[in-house]
């Protein structure tokens, strides 16, 4: 039965989230689709592709609270040594908000915990690409990249990442 405990936990969390979402009248909308005049978020039909020039981040409190809850769950799981489940929580949050630089950074940290060095580098670089004006987050990402390159034994790239970390932060 112990082998199935993590799977059962994920299923229960998934069903709980689905049940909770079903009771709310809020529709979670990806960043790219927000404020697009071509999309009726109340309809069940597939929307037309959004005009990304008009899709600016809006204040969507219910969606933000879902992201915060998923991050809290991921933190608790990671602290309990359950990095696979933590990664799943962050990946779920990324399906809701794929252009969130902090989520990509947090996934990079989980990949470091899992000793998946190359994936950590990829996730941190993705976070940097999205963190346009957040120098602190970019600096932290360069630190993740430096650590991962160190673990891979690629000292030159690790040192380059550390230099970028210092200039960024």
N, C-alpha and C. Protein backbone atom coordinates (compact mmCIF):
# COMPACT_ATOMS: atom_id res chain seq x y z
N UNK A 1 0.83 -1.20 0.00
CA UNK A 1 0.00 0.00 0.00
C UNK A 1 0.87 1.26 0.00
N UNK A 2 2.05 1.21 0.64
CA UNK A 2 2.92 2.38 0.70
C UNK A 2 3.40 2.82 -0.67
N UNK A 3 3.57 1.89 -1.61
CA UNK A 3 4.00 2.26 -2.96
C UNK A 3 2.94 3.09 -3.67
N UNK A 4 1.71 2.96 -3.27
CA UNK A 4 0.63 3.68 -3.94
C UNK A 4 0.29 5.00 -3.25
N UNK A 5 0.85 5.27 -2.08
CA UNK A 5 0.52 6.47 -1.32
C UNK A 5 0.75 7.75 -2.11
N UNK A 6 1.91 7.95 -2.76
CA UNK A 6 2.10 9.19 -3.53
C UNK A 6 1.11 9.30 -4.68
N UNK A 7 0.80 8.20 -5.31
CA UNK A 7 -0.13 8.22 -6.43
C UNK A 7 -1.52 8.58 -5.93
N UNK A 8 -1.92 7.96 -4.82
CA UNK A 8 -3.23 8.27 -4.25
C UNK A 8 -3.31 9.73 -3.82
N UNK A 9 -2.22 10.25 -3.26
CA UNK A 9 -2.20 11.64 -2.84
C UNK A 9 -2.42 12.56 -4.05
N UNK A 10 -1.71 12.28 -5.15
CA UNK A 10 -1.87 13.10 -6.35
C UNK A 10 -3.29 13.01 -6.90
N UNK A 11 -3.86 11.82 -6.88
CA UNK A 11 -5.23 11.65 -7.38
C UNK A 11 -6.20 12.42 -6.51
N UNK A 12 -6.04 12.30 -5.20
CA UNK A 12 -6.93 13.00 -4.28
C UNK A 12 -6.78 14.51 -4.46
N UNK A 13 -5.53 14.99 -4.56
CA UNK A 13 -5.32 16.42 -4.76
C UNK A 13 -5.93 16.88 -6.08
N UNK A 14 -5.77 16.07 -7.10
CA UNK A 14 -6.35 16.42 -8.40
C UNK A 14 -7.85 16.46 -8.36
N UNK A 15 -8.46 15.46 -7.73
CA UNK A 15 -9.91 15.43 -7.63
C UNK A 15 -10.43 16.57 -6.75
N UNK A 16 -9.70 16.86 -5.68
CA UNK A 16 -10.09 17.96 -4.81
C UNK A 16 -10.04 19.28 -5.57
N UNK A 17 -8.98 19.46 -6.32
CA UNK A 17 -8.85 20.69 -7.10
C UNK A 17 -9.95 20.79 -8.14
N UNK A 18 -10.27 19.66 -8.78
CA UNK A 18 -11.34 19.66 -9.78
C UNK A 18 -12.68 19.97 -9.13
N UNK A 19 -12.93 19.37 -7.98
CA UNK A 19 -14.19 19.59 -7.29
C UNK A 19 -14.28 21.04 -6.82
N UNK A 20 -13.18 21.55 -6.30
CA UNK A 20 -13.18 22.93 -5.85
C UNK A 20 -13.38 23.87 -7.02
N UNK A 21 -12.72 23.61 -8.13
CA UNK A 21 -12.86 24.46 -9.31
C UNK A 21 -14.29 24.41 -9.84
N UNK A 22 -14.91 23.25 -9.78
CA UNK A 22 -16.27 23.11 -10.30
C UNK A 22 -17.26 23.94 -9.49
N UNK A 23 -16.97 24.16 -8.21
CA UNK A 23 -17.89 24.93 -7.39
C UNK A 23 -17.71 26.43 -7.57
N UNK A 24 -16.63 26.84 -8.18
CA UNK A 24 -16.39 28.25 -8.41
C UNK A 24 -16.88 28.63 -9.79
N UNK A 25 -17.23 29.89 -9.94
CA UNK A 25 -17.65 30.37 -11.24
C UNK A 25 -16.51 31.03 -11.99
N UNK A 26 -15.31 30.88 -11.49
CA UNK A 26 -14.13 31.49 -12.09
C UNK A 26 -13.58 30.57 -13.17
N UNK A 27 -13.23 31.16 -14.29
CA UNK A 27 -12.59 30.42 -15.36
C UNK A 27 -11.14 30.87 -15.40
N UNK A 28 -10.20 29.94 -15.28
CA UNK A 28 -8.79 30.28 -15.33
C UNK A 28 -8.38 30.44 -16.79
N UNK A 29 -7.76 31.54 -17.08
CA UNK A 29 -7.41 31.89 -18.45
C UNK A 29 -5.90 32.13 -18.52
N UNK A 30 -5.21 31.49 -19.46
CA UNK A 30 -3.77 31.73 -19.60
C UNK A 30 -3.49 33.21 -19.90
N UNK A 31 -2.29 33.64 -19.53
CA UNK A 31 -1.90 35.03 -19.71
C UNK A 31 -2.10 35.47 -21.14
N UNK A 32 -1.74 34.62 -22.09
CA UNK A 32 -1.81 34.99 -23.49
C UNK A 32 -3.23 35.28 -23.96
N UNK A 33 -4.22 34.76 -23.26
CA UNK A 33 -5.60 34.92 -23.69
C UNK A 33 -6.36 36.00 -22.94
N UNK A 34 -5.74 36.60 -21.92
CA UNK A 34 -6.43 37.61 -21.14
C UNK A 34 -6.65 38.87 -21.96
N UNK A 35 -7.77 39.50 -21.74
CA UNK A 35 -8.13 40.77 -22.36
C UNK A 35 -8.17 40.71 -23.87
N UNK A 36 -8.27 39.53 -24.43
CA UNK A 36 -8.35 39.43 -25.88
C UNK A 36 -9.80 39.60 -26.31
N UNK A 37 -10.07 40.50 -27.25
CA UNK A 37 -11.45 40.73 -27.66
C UNK A 37 -12.04 39.56 -28.44
N UNK A 38 -11.19 38.65 -28.90
CA UNK A 38 -11.66 37.52 -29.71
C UNK A 38 -12.13 36.33 -28.89
N UNK A 39 -12.00 36.43 -27.57
CA UNK A 39 -12.25 35.24 -26.74
C UNK A 39 -13.39 35.50 -25.77
N UNK A 40 -14.36 34.60 -25.77
CA UNK A 40 -15.41 34.61 -24.76
C UNK A 40 -15.06 33.52 -23.77
N UNK A 41 -14.55 33.91 -22.59
CA UNK A 41 -14.07 32.93 -21.61
C UNK A 41 -15.19 32.14 -20.96
N UNK A 42 -16.43 32.54 -21.19
CA UNK A 42 -17.55 31.82 -20.59
C UNK A 42 -18.03 30.69 -21.49
N UNK A 43 -17.63 30.71 -22.75
CA UNK A 43 -18.11 29.68 -23.67
C UNK A 43 -17.25 28.44 -23.57
N UNK A 44 -17.81 27.33 -23.98
CA UNK A 44 -17.08 26.06 -23.93
C UNK A 44 -16.37 25.79 -25.25
N UNK A 45 -16.48 26.69 -26.20
CA UNK A 45 -15.86 26.48 -27.50
C UNK A 45 -14.39 26.85 -27.44
N UNK A 46 -13.63 26.35 -28.37
CA UNK A 46 -12.21 26.67 -28.45
C UNK A 46 -12.06 28.09 -28.96
N UNK A 47 -11.33 28.94 -28.24
CA UNK A 47 -11.19 30.32 -28.65
C UNK A 47 -10.24 30.47 -29.83
N UNK A 48 -10.38 31.60 -30.52
CA UNK A 48 -9.44 31.93 -31.57
C UNK A 48 -8.12 32.30 -30.92
N UNK A 49 -7.00 32.21 -31.65
CA UNK A 49 -5.71 32.60 -31.06
C UNK A 49 -5.76 34.07 -30.66
N UNK A 50 -5.22 34.39 -29.49
CA UNK A 50 -5.27 35.77 -29.02
C UNK A 50 -4.30 36.67 -29.74
N UNK A 51 -4.58 37.96 -29.70
CA UNK A 51 -3.66 38.96 -30.21
C UNK A 51 -2.70 39.27 -29.07
N UNK A 52 -1.46 38.75 -29.16
CA UNK A 52 -0.54 38.86 -28.03
C UNK A 52 -0.13 40.29 -27.74
N UNK A 53 -0.23 41.17 -28.69
CA UNK A 53 0.10 42.57 -28.42
C UNK A 53 -0.88 43.19 -27.44
N UNK A 54 -2.12 42.72 -27.42
CA UNK A 54 -3.14 43.25 -26.53
C UNK A 54 -3.24 42.47 -25.23
N UNK A 55 -2.54 41.36 -25.12
CA UNK A 55 -2.66 40.49 -23.94
C UNK A 55 -1.69 40.93 -22.87
N UNK A 56 -2.12 41.84 -22.02
CA UNK A 56 -1.31 42.30 -20.91
C UNK A 56 -1.80 41.62 -19.64
N UNK A 57 -0.88 41.47 -18.69
CA UNK A 57 -1.21 40.82 -17.42
C UNK A 57 -2.25 41.66 -16.68
N UNK A 58 -3.32 41.04 -16.26
CA UNK A 58 -4.37 41.73 -15.54
C UNK A 58 -4.41 41.25 -14.11
N UNK A 59 -5.16 41.92 -13.30
CA UNK A 59 -5.30 41.54 -11.90
C UNK A 59 -6.39 40.49 -11.78
N UNK A 60 -6.00 39.24 -11.79
CA UNK A 60 -6.94 38.13 -11.74
C UNK A 60 -6.74 37.42 -10.40
N UNK A 61 -7.39 37.92 -9.36
CA UNK A 61 -7.17 37.43 -7.99
C UNK A 61 -7.42 35.93 -7.84
N UNK A 62 -8.52 35.37 -8.37
CA UNK A 62 -8.72 33.93 -8.19
C UNK A 62 -7.59 33.11 -8.80
N UNK A 63 -7.11 33.51 -9.97
CA UNK A 63 -6.02 32.77 -10.62
C UNK A 63 -4.75 32.91 -9.80
N UNK A 64 -4.47 34.10 -9.30
CA UNK A 64 -3.28 34.30 -8.48
C UNK A 64 -3.34 33.44 -7.23
N UNK A 65 -4.51 33.31 -6.62
CA UNK A 65 -4.62 32.50 -5.42
C UNK A 65 -4.39 31.02 -5.72
N UNK A 66 -4.79 30.58 -6.89
CA UNK A 66 -4.53 29.18 -7.30
C UNK A 66 -3.04 28.97 -7.44
N UNK A 67 -2.36 29.91 -8.09
CA UNK A 67 -0.91 29.80 -8.28
C UNK A 67 -0.21 29.79 -6.92
N UNK A 68 -0.60 30.68 -6.03
CA UNK A 68 0.00 30.75 -4.70
C UNK A 68 -0.23 29.43 -3.95
N UNK A 69 -1.43 28.89 -4.04
CA UNK A 69 -1.73 27.62 -3.36
C UNK A 69 -0.88 26.49 -3.92
N UNK A 70 -0.72 26.44 -5.24
CA UNK A 70 0.10 25.40 -5.85
C UNK A 70 1.56 25.55 -5.44
N UNK A 71 2.05 26.79 -5.38
CA UNK A 71 3.43 27.01 -4.94
C UNK A 71 3.62 26.61 -3.49
N UNK A 72 2.65 26.93 -2.64
CA UNK A 72 2.73 26.52 -1.23
C UNK A 72 2.77 25.00 -1.11
N UNK A 73 1.89 24.33 -1.86
CA UNK A 73 1.89 22.86 -1.86
C UNK A 73 3.23 22.32 -2.35
N UNK A 74 3.75 22.93 -3.41
CA UNK A 74 5.04 22.48 -3.95
C UNK A 74 6.16 22.66 -2.93
N UNK A 75 6.16 23.80 -2.22
CA UNK A 75 7.16 24.03 -1.18
C UNK A 75 7.08 22.97 -0.09
N UNK A 76 5.87 22.69 0.36
CA UNK A 76 5.69 21.68 1.42
C UNK A 76 6.16 20.31 0.96
N UNK A 77 5.83 19.96 -0.28
CA UNK A 77 6.26 18.67 -0.81
C UNK A 77 7.78 18.61 -0.97
N UNK A 78 8.37 19.67 -1.49
CA UNK A 78 9.83 19.70 -1.67
C UNK A 78 10.54 19.61 -0.32
N UNK A 79 10.02 20.33 0.67
CA UNK A 79 10.63 20.28 2.01
C UNK A 79 10.48 18.90 2.64
N UNK A 80 9.47 18.15 2.23
CA UNK A 80 9.27 16.80 2.74
C UNK A 80 10.04 15.77 1.91
N UNK A 81 10.84 16.23 0.95
CA UNK A 81 11.62 15.32 0.12
C UNK A 81 10.84 14.68 -1.01
N UNK A 82 9.68 15.21 -1.31
CA UNK A 82 8.83 14.66 -2.37
C UNK A 82 8.94 15.55 -3.60
N UNK A 83 10.12 15.53 -4.21
CA UNK A 83 10.40 16.46 -5.31
C UNK A 83 9.58 16.16 -6.56
N UNK A 84 9.26 14.90 -6.81
CA UNK A 84 8.44 14.58 -7.99
C UNK A 84 7.05 15.20 -7.88
N UNK A 85 6.45 15.09 -6.71
CA UNK A 85 5.12 15.68 -6.51
C UNK A 85 5.21 17.20 -6.53
N UNK A 86 6.30 17.75 -5.97
CA UNK A 86 6.49 19.20 -5.99
C UNK A 86 6.60 19.70 -7.42
N UNK A 87 7.36 18.99 -8.24
CA UNK A 87 7.50 19.37 -9.65
C UNK A 87 6.15 19.30 -10.36
N UNK A 88 5.35 18.30 -10.02
CA UNK A 88 4.03 18.17 -10.64
C UNK A 88 3.14 19.36 -10.28
N UNK A 89 3.23 19.84 -9.05
CA UNK A 89 2.45 21.01 -8.64
C UNK A 89 2.87 22.25 -9.43
N UNK A 90 4.17 22.43 -9.57
CA UNK A 90 4.66 23.61 -10.30
C UNK A 90 4.31 23.49 -11.78
N UNK A 91 4.40 22.29 -12.33
CA UNK A 91 4.02 22.10 -13.73
C UNK A 91 2.53 22.39 -13.93
N UNK A 92 1.74 22.05 -12.95
CA UNK A 92 0.30 22.36 -13.03
C UNK A 92 0.10 23.88 -13.03
N UNK A 93 0.83 24.58 -12.17
CA UNK A 93 0.76 26.03 -12.14
C UNK A 93 1.22 26.63 -13.47
N UNK A 94 2.23 26.02 -14.07
CA UNK A 94 2.72 26.50 -15.37
C UNK A 94 1.70 26.30 -16.49
N UNK A 95 0.86 25.29 -16.36
CA UNK A 95 -0.22 25.13 -17.35
C UNK A 95 -1.23 26.27 -17.24
N UNK A 96 -1.38 26.79 -16.04
CA UNK A 96 -2.28 27.92 -15.82
C UNK A 96 -1.62 29.22 -16.26
N UNK A 97 -0.36 29.38 -15.92
CA UNK A 97 0.35 30.63 -16.18
C UNK A 97 1.74 30.32 -16.77
N UNK A 98 1.80 29.97 -18.05
CA UNK A 98 3.06 29.53 -18.66
C UNK A 98 4.11 30.62 -18.81
N UNK A 99 3.76 31.86 -18.68
CA UNK A 99 4.74 32.94 -18.85
C UNK A 99 5.15 33.55 -17.51
N UNK A 100 5.01 32.78 -16.44
CA UNK A 100 5.35 33.24 -15.10
C UNK A 100 6.81 32.85 -14.80
N UNK A 101 7.67 33.84 -14.78
CA UNK A 101 9.11 33.61 -14.59
C UNK A 101 9.42 32.96 -13.25
N UNK A 102 8.68 33.34 -12.21
CA UNK A 102 8.92 32.76 -10.89
C UNK A 102 8.63 31.25 -10.89
N UNK A 103 7.59 30.83 -11.58
CA UNK A 103 7.28 29.40 -11.64
C UNK A 103 8.40 28.62 -12.32
N UNK A 104 8.95 29.17 -13.39
CA UNK A 104 10.06 28.49 -14.08
C UNK A 104 11.28 28.43 -13.16
N UNK A 105 11.52 29.48 -12.39
CA UNK A 105 12.63 29.48 -11.44
C UNK A 105 12.43 28.41 -10.38
N UNK A 106 11.22 28.33 -9.85
CA UNK A 106 10.94 27.34 -8.81
C UNK A 106 11.09 25.92 -9.35
N UNK A 107 10.70 25.72 -10.60
CA UNK A 107 10.88 24.39 -11.21
C UNK A 107 12.38 24.10 -11.38
N UNK A 108 13.16 25.12 -11.71
CA UNK A 108 14.61 24.94 -11.81
C UNK A 108 15.19 24.50 -10.46
N UNK A 109 14.70 25.10 -9.37
CA UNK A 109 15.18 24.72 -8.04
C UNK A 109 14.82 23.26 -7.71
N UNK A 110 13.64 22.84 -8.11
CA UNK A 110 13.25 21.45 -7.90
C UNK A 110 14.17 20.53 -8.70
N UNK A 111 14.49 20.92 -9.93
CA UNK A 111 15.38 20.10 -10.76
C UNK A 111 16.78 20.02 -10.14
N UNK A 112 17.21 21.09 -9.46
CA UNK A 112 18.48 21.03 -8.72
C UNK A 112 18.36 20.00 -7.60
N UNK A 113 17.26 20.05 -6.87
CA UNK A 113 17.02 19.10 -5.78
C UNK A 113 17.05 17.66 -6.32
N UNK A 114 16.55 17.47 -7.53
CA UNK A 114 16.50 16.14 -8.14
C UNK A 114 17.81 15.78 -8.83
N UNK A 115 18.77 16.66 -8.80
CA UNK A 115 20.05 16.48 -9.47
C UNK A 115 19.90 16.31 -10.98
N UNK A 116 18.92 16.98 -11.53
CA UNK A 116 18.70 17.00 -12.98
C UNK A 116 19.28 18.32 -13.48
N UNK A 117 20.62 18.33 -13.59
CA UNK A 117 21.36 19.56 -13.81
C UNK A 117 21.00 20.25 -15.14
N UNK A 118 20.93 19.50 -16.21
CA UNK A 118 20.65 20.11 -17.51
C UNK A 118 19.25 20.71 -17.55
N UNK A 119 18.29 20.01 -16.96
CA UNK A 119 16.93 20.56 -16.91
C UNK A 119 16.88 21.82 -16.05
N UNK A 120 17.64 21.84 -14.97
CA UNK A 120 17.69 23.03 -14.12
C UNK A 120 18.20 24.23 -14.91
N UNK A 121 19.22 24.00 -15.72
CA UNK A 121 19.76 25.08 -16.56
C UNK A 121 18.70 25.57 -17.53
N UNK A 122 18.01 24.64 -18.17
CA UNK A 122 16.98 25.00 -19.14
C UNK A 122 15.86 25.79 -18.49
N UNK A 123 15.40 25.36 -17.32
CA UNK A 123 14.31 26.05 -16.63
C UNK A 123 14.75 27.45 -16.18
N UNK A 124 15.96 27.57 -15.66
CA UNK A 124 16.47 28.87 -15.21
C UNK A 124 16.62 29.83 -16.39
N UNK A 125 17.07 29.32 -17.52
CA UNK A 125 17.19 30.17 -18.72
C UNK A 125 15.80 30.63 -19.19
N UNK A 126 14.82 29.74 -19.13
CA UNK A 126 13.46 30.11 -19.50
C UNK A 126 12.95 31.21 -18.56
N UNK A 127 13.21 31.06 -17.29
CA UNK A 127 12.82 32.07 -16.31
C UNK A 127 13.47 33.41 -16.63
N UNK A 128 14.76 33.39 -16.95
CA UNK A 128 15.45 34.63 -17.29
C UNK A 128 14.85 35.29 -18.53
N UNK A 129 14.45 34.49 -19.48
CA UNK A 129 13.85 35.04 -20.70
C UNK A 129 12.53 35.75 -20.40
N UNK A 130 11.82 35.28 -19.39
CA UNK A 130 10.52 35.85 -19.04
C UNK A 130 10.62 36.96 -17.99
N UNK A 131 11.70 37.00 -17.24
CA UNK A 131 11.86 37.96 -16.13
C UNK A 131 12.49 39.25 -16.66
N UNK A 132 11.81 39.92 -17.54
CA UNK A 132 12.39 41.06 -18.24
C UNK A 132 12.94 42.14 -17.33
N UNK A 133 12.22 42.55 -16.31
CA UNK A 133 12.65 43.65 -15.45
C UNK A 133 12.95 43.22 -14.02
N UNK A 134 13.07 41.94 -13.77
CA UNK A 134 13.28 41.45 -12.41
C UNK A 134 14.73 40.99 -12.26
N UNK A 135 15.61 41.96 -11.95
CA UNK A 135 17.04 41.66 -11.85
C UNK A 135 17.36 40.69 -10.72
N UNK A 136 16.62 40.77 -9.62
CA UNK A 136 16.87 39.85 -8.50
C UNK A 136 16.60 38.40 -8.92
N UNK A 137 15.48 38.18 -9.60
CA UNK A 137 15.16 36.83 -10.06
C UNK A 137 16.18 36.36 -11.09
N UNK A 138 16.58 37.24 -11.99
CA UNK A 138 17.59 36.87 -12.98
C UNK A 138 18.90 36.47 -12.30
N UNK A 139 19.28 37.22 -11.28
CA UNK A 139 20.49 36.91 -10.53
C UNK A 139 20.39 35.53 -9.89
N UNK A 140 19.24 35.25 -9.28
CA UNK A 140 19.04 33.93 -8.67
C UNK A 140 19.10 32.82 -9.72
N UNK A 141 18.54 33.10 -10.89
CA UNK A 141 18.61 32.10 -11.97
C UNK A 141 20.04 31.84 -12.40
N UNK A 142 20.85 32.90 -12.49
CA UNK A 142 22.25 32.70 -12.85
C UNK A 142 22.97 31.88 -11.78
N UNK A 143 22.57 32.03 -10.53
CA UNK A 143 23.14 31.20 -9.47
C UNK A 143 22.79 29.73 -9.64
N UNK A 144 21.54 29.47 -10.04
CA UNK A 144 21.11 28.09 -10.31
C UNK A 144 21.92 27.52 -11.48
N UNK A 145 22.08 28.32 -12.51
CA UNK A 145 22.82 27.88 -13.70
C UNK A 145 24.27 27.59 -13.33
N UNK A 146 24.88 28.47 -12.53
CA UNK A 146 26.27 28.25 -12.11
C UNK A 146 26.40 26.95 -11.32
N UNK A 147 25.49 26.72 -10.39
CA UNK A 147 25.54 25.50 -9.59
C UNK A 147 25.39 24.26 -10.47
N UNK A 148 24.46 24.31 -11.40
CA UNK A 148 24.23 23.16 -12.27
C UNK A 148 25.46 22.88 -13.14
N UNK A 149 26.07 23.94 -13.69
CA UNK A 149 27.28 23.73 -14.49
C UNK A 149 28.42 23.19 -13.64
N UNK A 150 28.52 23.66 -12.39
CA UNK A 150 29.52 23.10 -11.47
C UNK A 150 29.31 21.60 -11.30
N UNK A 151 28.07 21.21 -11.06
CA UNK A 151 27.76 19.79 -10.86
C UNK A 151 28.02 18.97 -12.11
N UNK A 152 27.88 19.60 -13.27
CA UNK A 152 28.17 18.91 -14.53
C UNK A 152 29.67 18.89 -14.84
N UNK A 153 30.46 19.63 -14.04
CA UNK A 153 31.90 19.68 -14.25
C UNK A 153 32.32 20.65 -15.35
N UNK A 154 31.45 21.56 -15.70
CA UNK A 154 31.75 22.53 -16.76
C UNK A 154 32.07 23.86 -16.06
N UNK A 155 33.30 23.97 -15.59
CA UNK A 155 33.72 25.09 -14.74
C UNK A 155 33.70 26.43 -15.47
N UNK A 156 34.08 26.46 -16.73
CA UNK A 156 34.11 27.72 -17.46
C UNK A 156 32.71 28.34 -17.54
N UNK A 157 31.72 27.52 -17.89
CA UNK A 157 30.35 28.04 -17.98
C UNK A 157 29.80 28.40 -16.60
N UNK A 158 30.21 27.65 -15.59
CA UNK A 158 29.79 27.97 -14.22
C UNK A 158 30.33 29.34 -13.82
N UNK A 159 31.60 29.60 -14.15
CA UNK A 159 32.20 30.90 -13.82
C UNK A 159 31.55 32.04 -14.61
N UNK A 160 31.22 31.79 -15.86
CA UNK A 160 30.53 32.80 -16.67
C UNK A 160 29.16 33.12 -16.05
N UNK A 161 28.47 32.09 -15.60
CA UNK A 161 27.16 32.29 -14.98
C UNK A 161 27.31 33.09 -13.69
N UNK A 162 28.35 32.83 -12.91
CA UNK A 162 28.58 33.58 -11.67
C UNK A 162 28.86 35.06 -11.96
N UNK A 163 29.60 35.31 -13.03
CA UNK A 163 29.87 36.71 -13.43
C UNK A 163 28.56 37.41 -13.79
N UNK A 164 27.70 36.72 -14.52
CA UNK A 164 26.42 37.31 -14.89
C UNK A 164 25.55 37.50 -13.64
N UNK A 165 25.66 36.57 -12.70
CA UNK A 165 24.91 36.70 -11.44
C UNK A 165 25.33 37.97 -10.70
N UNK A 166 26.62 38.23 -10.65
CA UNK A 166 27.12 39.41 -9.94
C UNK A 166 26.71 40.70 -10.64
N UNK A 167 26.75 40.72 -11.96
CA UNK A 167 26.38 41.94 -12.68
C UNK A 167 24.88 42.16 -12.68
N UNK A 168 24.12 41.08 -12.58
CA UNK A 168 22.66 41.18 -12.59
C UNK A 168 22.11 41.68 -11.27
N UNK A 169 22.66 41.18 -10.17
CA UNK A 169 22.08 41.47 -8.86
C UNK A 169 22.82 42.53 -8.16
